[in-house]
C-alpha atoms as a PDB file:
ATOM      1  CA  UNK A   1       0.000   0.000   0.000  1.00  0.00           C
ATOM      2  CA  UNK A   2       1.157   3.548  -0.718  1.00  0.00           C
ATOM      3  CA  UNK A   3       0.304   6.128   1.926  1.00  0.00           C
ATOM      4  CA  UNK A   4       0.887   9.836   1.389  1.00  0.00           C
ATOM      5  CA  UNK A   5       2.007  12.033   4.238  1.00  0.00           C
ATOM      6  CA  UNK A   6       1.135  15.619   3.485  1.00  0.00           C
ATOM      7  CA  UNK A   7       2.038  18.717   5.460  1.00  0.00           C
ATOM      8  CA  UNK A   8       3.935  21.966   5.290  1.00  0.00           C
ATOM      9  CA  UNK A   9       7.618  22.460   4.615  1.00  0.00           C
ATOM     10  CA  UNK A  10       7.953  25.089   7.374  1.00  0.00           C
ATOM     11  CA  UNK A  11       5.921  23.790  10.339  1.00  0.00           C
ATOM     12  CA  UNK A  12       6.434  24.711  13.949  1.00  0.00           C
ATOM     13  CA  UNK A  13       9.029  22.378  15.524  1.00  0.00           C
ATOM     14  CA  UNK A  14       6.458  20.615  17.733  1.00  0.00           C
ATOM     15  CA  UNK A  15       4.775  19.207  14.592  1.00  0.00           C
ATOM     16  CA  UNK A  16       7.827  17.249  13.430  1.00  0.00           C
ATOM     17  CA  UNK A  17       7.734  14.437  16.034  1.00  0.00           C
ATOM     18  CA  UNK A  18       4.181  13.548  14.900  1.00  0.00           C
ATOM     19  CA  UNK A  19       5.258  13.486  11.256  1.00  0.00           C
ATOM     20  CA  UNK A  20       8.290  11.338  12.031  1.00  0.00           C
ATOM     21  CA  UNK A  21       6.164   8.937  14.083  1.00  0.00           C
ATOM     22  CA  UNK A  22       3.654   8.614  11.215  1.00  0.00           C
ATOM     23  CA  UNK A  23       6.469   7.829   8.796  1.00  0.00           C
ATOM     24  CA  UNK A  24       7.978   5.314  11.199  1.00  0.00           C
ATOM     25  CA  UNK A  25       4.630   3.552  11.578  1.00  0.00           C
ATOM     26  CA  UNK A  26       4.156   3.418   7.798  1.00  0.00           C
ATOM     27  CA  UNK A  27       7.614   1.892   7.378  1.00  0.00           C
ATOM     28  CA  UNK A  28       7.160  -0.518  10.289  1.00  0.00           C
ATOM     29  CA  UNK A  29       4.003  -1.867   8.688  1.00  0.00           C
ATOM     30  CA  UNK A  30       5.748  -2.402   5.343  1.00  0.00           C
ATOM     31  CA  UNK A  31       3.906   0.296   3.408  1.00  0.00           C
ATOM     32  CA  UNK A  32       5.482   2.829   1.051  1.00  0.00           C
ATOM     33  CA  UNK A  33       5.365   6.541   1.847  1.00  0.00           C
ATOM     34  CA  UNK A  34       4.823   9.165  -0.847  1.00  0.00           C
ATOM     35  CA  UNK A  35       5.102  12.889  -0.207  1.00  0.00           C
ATOM     36  CA  UNK A  36       6.166  16.176  -1.758  1.00  0.00           C
ATOM     37  CA  UNK A  37       9.780  15.243  -1.084  1.00  0.00           C
ATOM     38  CA  UNK A  38      10.963  18.464   0.515  1.00  0.00           C
ATOM     39  CA  UNK A  39      11.499  19.635   4.105  1.00  0.00           C
ATOM     40  CA  UNK A  40       9.392  19.979   7.213  1.00  0.00           C
ATOM     41  CA  UNK A  41       6.632  17.401   7.619  1.00  0.00           C
ATOM     42  CA  UNK A  42       7.745  15.627   4.448  1.00  0.00           C
ATOM     43  CA  UNK A  43      11.339  15.241   5.599  1.00  0.00           C
ATOM     44  CA  UNK A  44      10.378  14.149   9.114  1.00  0.00           C
ATOM     45  CA  UNK A  45       7.961  11.526   7.757  1.00  0.00           C
ATOM     46  CA  UNK A  46      10.540  10.212   5.280  1.00  0.00           C
ATOM     47  CA  UNK A  47      13.143  10.023   8.048  1.00  0.00           C
ATOM     48  CA  UNK A  48      10.816   7.952  10.210  1.00  0.00           C
ATOM     49  CA  UNK A  49       9.884   5.638   7.350  1.00  0.00           C
ATOM     50  CA  UNK A  50      13.484   5.006   6.310  1.00  0.00           C
ATOM     51  CA  UNK A  51      14.602   4.398   9.908  1.00  0.00           C
ATOM     52  CA  UNK A  52      11.915   1.702  10.111  1.00  0.00           C
ATOM     53  CA  UNK A  53      13.082   0.106   6.842  1.00  0.00           C
ATOM     54  CA  UNK A  54      10.306   1.558   4.687  1.00  0.00           C
ATOM     55  CA  UNK A  55      10.469   3.001   1.186  1.00  0.00           C
ATOM     56  CA  UNK A  56       9.916   6.675   0.321  1.00  0.00           C
ATOM     57  CA  UNK A  57       8.901   8.456  -2.861  1.00  0.00           C
ATOM     58  CA  UNK A  58       9.215  12.224  -3.272  1.00  0.00           C
ATOM     59  CA  UNK A  59       7.117  13.988  -5.922  1.00  0.00           C
ATOM     60  CA  UNK A  60       9.048  17.227  -6.313  1.00  0.00           C
ATOM     61  CA  UNK A  61       7.729  20.549  -7.618  1.00  0.00           C
ATOM     62  CA  UNK A  62      10.817  21.587  -9.586  1.00  0.00           C
ATOM     63  CA  UNK A  63      12.537  20.582 -12.838  1.00  0.00           C
ATOM     64  CA  UNK A  64      15.112  18.372 -11.109  1.00  0.00           C
ATOM     65  CA  UNK A  65      15.549  16.315  -7.960  1.00  0.00           C
ATOM     66  CA  UNK A  66      18.024  18.621  -6.208  1.00  0.00           C
ATOM     67  CA  UNK A  67      15.370  19.813  -3.733  1.00  0.00           C
ATOM     68  CA  UNK A  68      14.675  16.343  -2.343  1.00  0.00           C
ATOM     69  CA  UNK A  69      15.301  15.768   1.333  1.00  0.00           C
ATOM     70  CA  UNK A  70      18.010  13.260   2.213  1.00  0.00           C
ATOM     71  CA  UNK A  71      15.492  10.586   3.249  1.00  0.00           C
ATOM     72  CA  UNK A  72      13.712  10.369  -0.110  1.00  0.00           C
ATOM     73  CA  UNK A  73      14.636   7.080  -1.727  1.00  0.00           C
ATOM     74  CA  UNK A  74      12.955   7.635  -5.106  1.00  0.00           C
ATOM     75  CA  UNK A  75      12.763  11.243  -6.375  1.00  0.00           C
ATOM     76  CA  UNK A  76      10.438  12.287  -9.194  1.00  0.00           C
ATOM     77  CA  UNK A  77      10.886  15.755 -10.698  1.00  0.00           C
ATOM     78  CA  UNK A  78       7.679  17.232 -12.149  1.00  0.00           C
ATOM     79  CA  UNK A  79       8.387  20.931 -12.847  1.00  0.00           C
ATOM     80  CA  UNK A  80       4.710  21.415 -11.945  1.00  0.00           C
ATOM     81  CA  UNK A  81       4.873  23.429  -8.708  1.00  0.00           C
ATOM     82  CA  UNK A  82       1.737  22.952  -6.604  1.00  0.00           C
ATOM     83  CA  UNK A  83       0.092  21.050  -9.475  1.00  0.00           C
ATOM     84  CA  UNK A  84       2.217  18.081  -8.375  1.00  0.00           C
ATOM     85  CA  UNK A  85      -0.201  17.747  -5.458  1.00  0.00           C
ATOM     86  CA  UNK A  86      -2.598  16.032  -7.832  1.00  0.00           C
ATOM     87  CA  UNK A  87       0.036  13.384  -8.569  1.00  0.00           C
ATOM     88  CA  UNK A  88       0.585  12.797  -4.852  1.00  0.00           C
ATOM     89  CA  UNK A  89      -3.157  12.433  -4.224  1.00  0.00           C
ATOM     90  CA  UNK A  90      -3.627  10.057  -7.155  1.00  0.00           C
ATOM     91  CA  UNK A  91      -0.572   7.937  -6.305  1.00  0.00           C
ATOM     92  CA  UNK A  92      -1.635   7.289  -2.720  1.00  0.00           C
ATOM     93  CA  UNK A  93      -4.135   4.696  -1.574  1.00  0.00           C
ATOM     94  CA  UNK A  94      -4.801   6.975   1.421  1.00  0.00           C
ATOM     95  CA  UNK A  95      -3.426  10.275   2.698  1.00  0.00           C
ATOM     96  CA  UNK A  96      -2.466  11.423   6.179  1.00  0.00           C
ATOM     97  CA  UNK A  97      -2.406  15.188   6.689  1.00  0.00           C
ATOM     98  CA  UNK A  98      -0.116  16.328   9.493  1.00  0.00           C
ATOM     99  CA  UNK A  99      -0.609  20.003  10.311  1.00  0.00           C
ATOM    100  CA  UNK A 100      -0.143  21.840   7.001  1.00  0.00           C
ATOM    101  CA  UNK A 101      -0.599  25.046   5.126  1.00  0.00           C
ATOM    102  CA  UNK A 102      -2.330  25.893   1.846  1.00  0.00           C
ATOM    103  CA  UNK A 103      -0.490  23.268  -0.201  1.00  0.00           C
ATOM    104  CA  UNK A 104      -1.741  20.665   2.263  1.00  0.00           C
ATOM    105  CA  UNK A 105      -5.247  22.062   1.974  1.00  0.00           C
ATOM    106  CA  UNK A 106      -5.097  21.646  -1.810  1.00  0.00           C
ATOM    107  CA  UNK A 107      -3.923  18.034  -1.421  1.00  0.00           C
ATOM    108  CA  UNK A 108      -6.783  17.312   0.972  1.00  0.00           C
ATOM    109  CA  UNK A 109      -9.287  18.809  -1.482  1.00  0.00           C
ATOM    110  CA  UNK A 110      -7.858  16.872  -4.422  1.00  0.00           C
ATOM    111  CA  UNK A 111      -7.802  13.612  -2.484  1.00  0.00           C
ATOM    112  CA  UNK A 112     -11.427  14.020  -1.414  1.00  0.00           C
ATOM    113  CA  UNK A 113     -12.355  14.938  -4.984  1.00  0.00           C
ATOM    114  CA  UNK A 114     -10.678  11.750  -6.230  1.00  0.00           C
ATOM    115  CA  UNK A 115     -12.447   9.687  -3.579  1.00  0.00           C
ATOM    116  CA  UNK A 116      -9.275   8.911  -1.619  1.00  0.00           C
ATOM    117  CA  UNK A 117      -9.450   8.512   2.165  1.00  0.00           C
ATOM    118  CA  UNK A 118      -7.884  11.321   4.191  1.00  0.00           C
ATOM    119  CA  UNK A 119      -6.860  11.068   7.827  1.00  0.00           C
ATOM    120  CA  UNK A 120      -6.130  14.273   9.697  1.00  0.00           C
ATOM    121  CA  UNK A 121      -3.636  14.613  12.520  1.00  0.00           C
ATOM    122  CA  UNK A 122      -3.858  18.184  13.854  1.00  0.00           C
ATOM    123  CA  UNK A 123      -4.703  19.523  10.411  1.00  0.00           C
ATOM    124  CA  UNK A 124      -7.334  21.566   8.590  1.00  0.00           C
ATOM    125  CA  UNK A 125     -10.995  21.529   9.567  1.00  0.00           C
ATOM    126  CA  UNK A 126     -13.132  22.071   6.473  1.00  0.00           C
ATOM    127  CA  UNK A 127     -16.631  23.435   6.857  1.00  0.00           C
ATOM    128  CA  UNK A 128     -18.565  23.815   3.600  1.00  0.00           C
ATOM    129  CA  UNK A 129     -21.411  26.324   3.241  1.00  0.00           C
ATOM    130  CA  UNK A 130     -23.657  24.130   5.367  1.00  0.00           C
ATOM    131  CA  UNK A 131     -21.657  25.081   8.460  1.00  0.00           C
ATOM    132  CA  UNK A 132     -21.111  21.407   9.311  1.00  0.00           C
ATOM    133  CA  UNK A 133     -17.560  20.045   9.292  1.00  0.00           C
ATOM    134  CA  UNK A 134     -16.799  17.660   6.424  1.00  0.00           C
ATOM    135  CA  UNK A 135     -16.682  14.269   8.112  1.00  0.00           C
ATOM    136  CA  UNK A 136     -14.792  12.673   5.226  1.00  0.00           C
ATOM    137  CA  UNK A 137     -11.567  13.790   6.928  1.00  0.00           C
ATOM    138  CA  UNK A 138     -11.083  11.069   9.518  1.00  0.00           C
ATOM    139  CA  UNK A 139      -9.588  12.442  12.743  1.00  0.00           C
ATOM    140  CA  UNK A 140      -6.749  10.610  14.487  1.00  0.00           C
ATOM    141  CA  UNK A 141      -5.251  11.247  17.906  1.00  0.00           C
ATOM    142  CA  UNK A 142      -1.773   9.887  17.205  1.00  0.00           C
ATOM    143  CA  UNK A 143       0.553   8.384  14.631  1.00  0.00           C
ATOM    144  CA  UNK A 144      -0.353   4.707  15.078  1.00  0.00           C
ATOM    145  CA  UNK A 145      -4.069   5.487  14.967  1.00  0.00           C
ATOM    146  CA  UNK A 146      -3.614   7.676  11.867  1.00  0.00           C
ATOM    147  CA  UNK A 147      -1.838   4.907   9.941  1.00  0.00           C
ATOM    148  CA  UNK A 148      -4.321   2.266  11.108  1.00  0.00           C
ATOM    149  CA  UNK A 149      -7.237   4.449   9.997  1.00  0.00           C
ATOM    150  CA  UNK A 150      -5.596   5.167   6.621  1.00  0.00           C
ATOM    151  CA  UNK A 151      -4.925   1.475   5.938  1.00  0.00           C
ATOM    152  CA  UNK A 152      -8.437   0.425   6.902  1.00  0.00           C
ATOM    153  CA  UNK A 153     -10.080   3.268   4.960  1.00  0.00           C
ATOM    154  CA  UNK A 154      -8.098   2.258   1.868  1.00  0.00           C
ATOM    155  CA  UNK A 155      -9.421  -1.271   2.176  1.00  0.00           C
ATOM    156  CA  UNK A 156      -6.296  -2.914   3.541  1.00  0.00           C
ATOM    157  CA  UNK A 157      -5.754  -5.007   6.625  1.00  0.00           C
ATOM    158  CA  UNK A 158      -3.788  -3.594   9.496  1.00  0.00           C
END
């Protein structure tokens, strides 16, 4: 299974342990992690996954792979900027949003539009015009729960 970890490249430092723990749990379970390949949440998640023996794919926004963090195993240059978020959403069987900024918000929207499961770990709360929060973003309280929810929502076993 391929699980995306999405989140900002300049988060507050207290966000990074969650991202690393999510990556570690993905790797421990034998799944592959895909992300935007750069710093912040993406780098922390890739670090955790690689430390646990997992594989990492970075879908990069630029024309080459020079911007990849050191824990990305397979780098893919797109030269598409934020449009690469669509590739991340389509590649993943499920997505886990850790914190995040507007790029993360776009990935969440694309994933939901494509019918992909999204698990949120201290991330965006989306309230459409109805004033009721979109319950398609599954809420997790920690890394292990986030990965478990993502795997189950994507139709896999734990």
